[in-house]
Amino acid sequence: MTHLIRRFLEDRSGATAIEYSLIGALVAVAIIGSVTAFADEGTGVFNRAMGAVSGAISGGEPGGEG
């Protein structure tokens, strides 16, 4: 029985899996934070691009005000 407990305590494969899980969670938090921080700027870029496309399709001025 002591051999089984000693072998369990010396096994390090579970620690590696936990470390990779923590790294993955940290990367996910960083991605979510950066997307949140740049969401407003990205929306503005998207709206300007869609206005230009809409203006080009309708034949009006760039920006969709034509």
C-alpha atoms as a PDB file:
ATOM      1  CA  MET A   1       0.000   0.000   0.000  1.00  0.00           C
ATOM      2  CA  THR A   2       2.803   2.434   0.772  1.00  0.00           C
ATOM      3  CA  HIS A   3       4.318   1.662  -2.632  1.00  0.00           C
ATOM      4  CA  LEU A   4       1.057   2.734  -4.309  1.00  0.00           C
ATOM      5  CA  ILE A   5       0.899   5.993  -2.330  1.00  0.00           C
ATOM      6  CA  ARG A   6       4.554   6.766  -3.001  1.00  0.00           C
ATOM      7  CA  ARG A   7       4.103   6.119  -6.737  1.00  0.00           C
ATOM      8  CA  PHE A   8       1.041   8.411  -6.773  1.00  0.00           C
ATOM      9  CA  LEU A   9       2.917  11.231  -5.036  1.00  0.00           C
ATOM     10  CA  GLU A  10       5.884  10.953  -7.414  1.00  0.00           C
ATOM     11  CA  ASP A  11       3.720  11.030 -10.560  1.00  0.00           C
ATOM     12  CA  ARG A  12       4.101  14.446 -12.251  1.00  0.00           C
ATOM     13  CA  SER A  13       1.956  13.937 -15.376  1.00  0.00           C
ATOM     14  CA  GLY A  14      -1.119  15.484 -13.740  1.00  0.00           C
ATOM     15  CA  ALA A  15       0.829  18.606 -12.809  1.00  0.00           C
ATOM     16  CA  THR A  16       1.781  19.132 -16.451  1.00  0.00           C
ATOM     17  CA  ALA A  17      -1.853  18.910 -17.547  1.00  0.00           C
ATOM     18  CA  ILE A  18      -2.847  21.448 -14.912  1.00  0.00           C
ATOM     19  CA  GLU A  19      -0.081  23.810 -16.021  1.00  0.00           C
ATOM     20  CA  TYR A  20      -1.229  23.623 -19.639  1.00  0.00           C
ATOM     21  CA  SER A  21      -4.820  24.225 -18.543  1.00  0.00           C
ATOM     22  CA  LEU A  22      -3.784  27.338 -16.630  1.00  0.00           C
ATOM     23  CA  ILE A  23      -1.796  28.630 -19.607  1.00  0.00           C
ATOM     24  CA  GLY A  24      -4.799  28.031 -21.875  1.00  0.00           C
ATOM     25  CA  ALA A  25      -7.087  29.882 -19.488  1.00  0.00           C
ATOM     26  CA  LEU A  26      -4.655  32.805 -19.324  1.00  0.00           C
ATOM     27  CA  VAL A  27      -4.503  32.998 -23.122  1.00  0.00           C
ATOM     28  CA  ALA A  28      -8.309  32.938 -23.296  1.00  0.00           C
ATOM     29  CA  VAL A  29      -8.560  35.787 -20.774  1.00  0.00           C
ATOM     30  CA  ALA A  30      -5.993  37.802 -22.754  1.00  0.00           C
ATOM     31  CA  ILE A  31      -7.918  37.281 -26.006  1.00  0.00           C
ATOM     32  CA  ILE A  32     -11.235  38.244 -24.437  1.00  0.00           C
ATOM     33  CA  GLY A  33      -9.682  41.332 -22.859  1.00  0.00           C
ATOM     34  CA  SER A  34      -8.101  42.501 -26.095  1.00  0.00           C
ATOM     35  CA  VAL A  35     -11.279  41.941 -28.109  1.00  0.00           C
ATOM     36  CA  THR A  36     -13.253  43.892 -25.528  1.00  0.00           C
ATOM     37  CA  ALA A  37     -10.715  46.726 -25.498  1.00  0.00           C
ATOM     38  CA  PHE A  38     -10.717  47.124 -29.276  1.00  0.00           C
ATOM     39  CA  ALA A  39     -14.414  46.436 -29.926  1.00  0.00           C
ATOM     40  CA  ASP A  40     -15.391  50.080 -30.345  1.00  0.00           C
ATOM     41  CA  GLU A  41     -12.546  50.816 -32.730  1.00  0.00           C
ATOM     42  CA  GLY A  42     -13.328  47.717 -34.775  1.00  0.00           C
ATOM     43  CA  THR A  43     -16.975  48.676 -35.008  1.00  0.00           C
ATOM     44  CA  GLY A  44     -16.011  52.113 -36.330  1.00  0.00           C
ATOM     45  CA  VAL A  45     -13.773  50.614 -38.987  1.00  0.00           C
ATOM     46  CA  PHE A  46     -16.513  48.187 -40.010  1.00  0.00           C
ATOM     47  CA  ASN A  47     -19.103  50.952 -40.227  1.00  0.00           C
ATOM     48  CA  ARG A  48     -16.833  53.133 -42.391  1.00  0.00           C
ATOM     49  CA  ALA A  49     -16.121  50.210 -44.706  1.00  0.00           C
ATOM     50  CA  MET A  50     -19.790  49.321 -45.033  1.00  0.00           C
ATOM     51  CA  GLY A  51     -20.614  52.988 -45.723  1.00  0.00           C
ATOM     52  CA  ALA A  52     -18.032  53.053 -48.499  1.00  0.00           C
ATOM     53  CA  VAL A  53     -19.380  49.839 -50.017  1.00  0.00           C
ATOM     54  CA  SER A  54     -22.951  51.108 -49.764  1.00  0.00           C
ATOM     55  CA  GLY A  55     -21.951  54.383 -51.382  1.00  0.00           C
ATOM     56  CA  ALA A  56     -20.158  52.599 -54.189  1.00  0.00           C
ATOM     57  CA  ILE A  57     -23.148  50.392 -54.866  1.00  0.00           C
ATOM     58  CA  SER A  58     -25.672  53.231 -54.846  1.00  0.00           C
ATOM     59  CA  GLY A  59     -23.377  55.490 -56.881  1.00  0.00           C
ATOM     60  CA  GLY A  60     -23.351  58.174 -54.226  1.00  0.00           C
ATOM     61  CA  GLU A  61     -20.503  59.755 -52.310  1.00  0.00           C
ATOM     62  CA  PRO A  62     -18.102  57.592 -50.316  1.00  0.00           C
ATOM     63  CA  GLY A  63     -19.356  57.074 -46.816  1.00  0.00           C
ATOM     64  CA  GLY A  64     -22.929  56.334 -47.817  1.00  0.00           C
ATOM     65  CA  GLU A  65     -24.163  59.932 -47.706  1.00  0.00           C
ATOM     66  CA  GLY A  66     -25.085  60.355 -51.290  1.00  0.00           C
END
